[in-house]
C-alpha atoms as a PDB file:
ATOM      1  CA  MET A   1      24.501  17.661 -32.429  1.00  0.00           C
ATOM      2  CA  SER A   2      21.685  17.122 -34.913  1.00  0.00           C
ATOM      3  CA  PRO A   3      20.039  13.647 -35.420  1.00  0.00           C
ATOM      4  CA  LEU A   4      21.553  13.635 -38.921  1.00  0.00           C
ATOM      5  CA  THR A   5      25.261  14.479 -37.398  1.00  0.00           C
ATOM      6  CA  ILE A   6      24.868  11.827 -34.339  1.00  0.00           C
ATOM      7  CA  GLY A   7      23.610   9.374 -37.030  1.00  0.00           C
ATOM      8  CA  ILE A   8      26.604   9.977 -39.280  1.00  0.00           C
ATOM      9  CA  TYR A   9      29.053  10.019 -36.603  1.00  0.00           C
ATOM     10  CA  ALA A  10      27.503   6.900 -35.163  1.00  0.00           C
ATOM     11  CA  ALA A  11      27.565   4.560 -38.565  1.00  0.00           C
ATOM     12  CA  ALA A  12      30.982   6.249 -39.225  1.00  0.00           C
ATOM     13  CA  ALA A  13      32.164   4.775 -35.582  1.00  0.00           C
ATOM     14  CA  LEU A  14      30.594   1.520 -36.144  1.00  0.00           C
ATOM     15  CA  ALA A  15      32.379   1.090 -39.744  1.00  0.00           C
ATOM     16  CA  GLU A  16      35.681   1.974 -38.247  1.00  0.00           C
ATOM     17  CA  ILE A  17      35.605  -0.085 -35.017  1.00  0.00           C
ATOM     18  CA  ALA A  18      34.212  -2.983 -37.010  1.00  0.00           C
ATOM     19  CA  GLY A  19      36.900  -2.759 -39.565  1.00  0.00           C
ATOM     20  CA  CYS A  20      39.863  -2.204 -36.909  1.00  0.00           C
ATOM     21  CA  PHE A  21      38.437  -5.167 -35.035  1.00  0.00           C
ATOM     22  CA  ALA A  22      38.617  -7.410 -38.187  1.00  0.00           C
ATOM     23  CA  PHE A  23      42.551  -6.798 -38.567  1.00  0.00           C
ATOM     24  CA  TRP A  24      42.761  -7.288 -34.756  1.00  0.00           C
ATOM     25  CA  ALA A  25      40.985 -10.676 -34.909  1.00  0.00           C
ATOM     26  CA  TRP A  26      43.040 -11.836 -37.713  1.00  0.00           C
ATOM     27  CA  LEU A  27      46.651 -10.350 -36.318  1.00  0.00           C
ATOM     28  CA  ARG A  28      45.843 -11.165 -32.283  1.00  0.00           C
ATOM     29  CA  LEU A  29      43.268 -13.660 -31.886  1.00  0.00           C
ATOM     30  CA  GLY A  30      44.436 -16.164 -34.612  1.00  0.00           C
ATOM     31  CA  ARG A  31      41.142 -15.472 -36.987  1.00  0.00           C
ATOM     32  CA  SER A  32      41.424 -16.421 -40.808  1.00  0.00           C
ATOM     33  CA  PRO A  33      43.036 -14.168 -43.153  1.00  0.00           C
ATOM     34  CA  TRP A  34      39.607 -13.875 -44.559  1.00  0.00           C
ATOM     35  CA  TRP A  35      38.859 -11.365 -41.919  1.00  0.00           C
ATOM     36  CA  ILE A  36      40.701  -9.007 -43.833  1.00  0.00           C
ATOM     37  CA  ALA A  37      38.293  -8.395 -46.438  1.00  0.00           C
ATOM     38  CA  PRO A  38      35.143  -7.184 -44.684  1.00  0.00           C
ATOM     39  CA  GLY A  39      37.665  -5.321 -42.470  1.00  0.00           C
ATOM     40  CA  VAL A  40      38.708  -3.301 -45.725  1.00  0.00           C
ATOM     41  CA  LEU A  41      35.225  -2.874 -46.711  1.00  0.00           C
ATOM     42  CA  ALA A  42      34.256  -1.518 -43.308  1.00  0.00           C
ATOM     43  CA  LEU A  43      36.899   1.055 -43.631  1.00  0.00           C
ATOM     44  CA  CYS A  44      36.157   2.290 -46.837  1.00  0.00           C
ATOM     45  CA  LEU A  45      32.516   2.824 -45.527  1.00  0.00           C
ATOM     46  CA  PHE A  46      34.032   4.727 -42.521  1.00  0.00           C
ATOM     47  CA  ALA A  47      35.884   7.031 -44.783  1.00  0.00           C
ATOM     48  CA  TRP A  48      32.928   7.836 -46.947  1.00  0.00           C
ATOM     49  CA  LEU A  49      30.730   8.392 -44.030  1.00  0.00           C
ATOM     50  CA  LEU A  50      32.955  11.319 -42.631  1.00  0.00           C
ATOM     51  CA  THR A  51      32.549  12.983 -46.001  1.00  0.00           C
ATOM     52  CA  LEU A  52      28.939  13.362 -44.928  1.00  0.00           C
ATOM     53  CA  ALA A  53      29.756  15.319 -41.772  1.00  0.00           C
ATOM     54  CA  PRO A  54      28.113  18.875 -41.742  1.00  0.00           C
ATOM     55  CA  THR A  55      31.576  20.941 -41.641  1.00  0.00           C
ATOM     56  CA  GLU A  56      33.219  22.700 -44.507  1.00  0.00           C
ATOM     57  CA  THR A  57      36.821  21.317 -43.541  1.00  0.00           C
ATOM     58  CA  ALA A  58      37.829  17.719 -43.187  1.00  0.00           C
ATOM     59  CA  GLY A  59      40.014  18.242 -40.158  1.00  0.00           C
ATOM     60  CA  ARG A  60      37.450  19.785 -38.515  1.00  0.00           C
ATOM     61  CA  ALA A  61      34.904  16.691 -39.311  1.00  0.00           C
ATOM     62  CA  TYR A  62      37.778  14.379 -38.275  1.00  0.00           C
ATOM     63  CA  ALA A  63      38.370  16.123 -34.931  1.00  0.00           C
ATOM     64  CA  ALA A  64      35.196  16.287 -33.913  1.00  0.00           C
ATOM     65  CA  TYR A  65      34.803  12.158 -34.861  1.00  0.00           C
ATOM     66  CA  GLY A  66      37.367  11.498 -32.446  1.00  0.00           C
ATOM     67  CA  GLY A  67      35.123  12.189 -29.093  1.00  0.00           C
ATOM     68  CA  VAL A  68      32.531  10.228 -30.718  1.00  0.00           C
ATOM     69  CA  TYR A  69      35.031   7.335 -31.563  1.00  0.00           C
ATOM     70  CA  ILE A  70      36.245   6.982 -28.254  1.00  0.00           C
ATOM     71  CA  ALA A  71      32.771   6.894 -26.617  1.00  0.00           C
ATOM     72  CA  SER A  72      31.528   4.134 -29.330  1.00  0.00           C
ATOM     73  CA  SER A  73      34.702   2.413 -28.709  1.00  0.00           C
ATOM     74  CA  LEU A  74      33.984   2.137 -24.967  1.00  0.00           C
ATOM     75  CA  LEU A  75      30.630   0.855 -26.191  1.00  0.00           C
ATOM     76  CA  TRP A  76      32.227  -1.552 -28.560  1.00  0.00           C
ATOM     77  CA  LEU A  77      34.158  -2.835 -25.577  1.00  0.00           C
ATOM     78  CA  TRP A  78      31.368  -3.573 -23.452  1.00  0.00           C
ATOM     79  CA  LEU A  79      28.587  -4.918 -25.842  1.00  0.00           C
ATOM     80  CA  VAL A  80      31.095  -6.952 -28.322  1.00  0.00           C
ATOM     81  CA  GLU A  81      34.143  -7.909 -25.812  1.00  0.00           C
ATOM     82  CA  GLY A  82      31.964  -8.312 -22.802  1.00  0.00           C
ATOM     83  CA  ALA A  83      34.412  -5.880 -20.592  1.00  0.00           C
ATOM     84  CA  ARG A  84      32.328  -3.409 -18.727  1.00  0.00           C
ATOM     85  CA  PRO A  85      33.727   0.431 -18.913  1.00  0.00           C
ATOM     86  CA  ASP A  86      34.370   1.748 -15.438  1.00  0.00           C
ATOM     87  CA  ARG A  87      33.341   5.168 -14.196  1.00  0.00           C
ATOM     88  CA  TRP A  88      36.723   6.820 -15.620  1.00  0.00           C
ATOM     89  CA  ASP A  89      36.079   5.320 -19.064  1.00  0.00           C
ATOM     90  CA  ALA A  90      32.632   7.276 -18.715  1.00  0.00           C
ATOM     91  CA  VAL A  91      34.047  10.388 -17.389  1.00  0.00           C
ATOM     92  CA  GLY A  92      36.812  10.178 -20.125  1.00  0.00           C
ATOM     93  CA  ALA A  93      34.344   9.744 -22.990  1.00  0.00           C
ATOM     94  CA  SER A  94      31.863  12.550 -21.583  1.00  0.00           C
ATOM     95  CA  VAL A  95      34.808  14.747 -21.657  1.00  0.00           C
ATOM     96  CA  CYS A  96      35.607  13.649 -25.193  1.00  0.00           C
ATOM     97  CA  LEU A  97      31.907  14.296 -26.469  1.00  0.00           C
ATOM     98  CA  ILE A  98      31.773  17.625 -25.077  1.00  0.00           C
ATOM     99  CA  GLY A  99      35.184  18.457 -26.855  1.00  0.00           C
ATOM    100  CA  ALA A 100      33.527  17.031 -30.026  1.00  0.00           C
ATOM    101  CA  ALA A 101      30.579  19.088 -29.572  1.00  0.00           C
ATOM    102  CA  ILE A 102      32.418  22.284 -29.232  1.00  0.00           C
ATOM    103  CA  ILE A 103      34.376  21.867 -31.914  1.00  0.00           C
ATOM    104  CA  LEU A 104      31.919  21.041 -34.422  1.00  0.00           C
ATOM    105  CA  PHE A 105      29.341  23.688 -33.473  1.00  0.00           C
ATOM    106  CA  GLY A 106      31.291  26.356 -31.739  1.00  0.00           C
ATOM    107  CA  PRO A 107      30.894  29.741 -32.963  1.00  0.00           C
ATOM    108  CA  ARG A 108      33.030  30.965 -35.816  1.00  0.00           C
ATOM    109  CA  PRO A 109      33.438  34.072 -38.042  1.00  0.00           C
ATOM    110  CA  ALA A 110      31.407  34.144 -41.089  1.00  0.00           C
END
């Protein structure tokens, strides 16, 4: 993946995970309903960022993003929630990232 593509998908993943976590914090961790506002903003940012993905079709951008999301979620698990991913998490994320690269950059007829 190009550095621009990596940056777009990484920023989208951060925005989506942060947005979803805001709702998780409110509903599952008993945080204030005020967590919803930044959560909604983060999810809107996520949606906008995915429109910048370098592909002609939305479905392909979303499919490729799925692999990045999985790997990013495991980083969030480790860095924010303090639970270290195990080797199966790492293997699974690697497979997903390879799949994302194949989807996004595989040769297609013109």
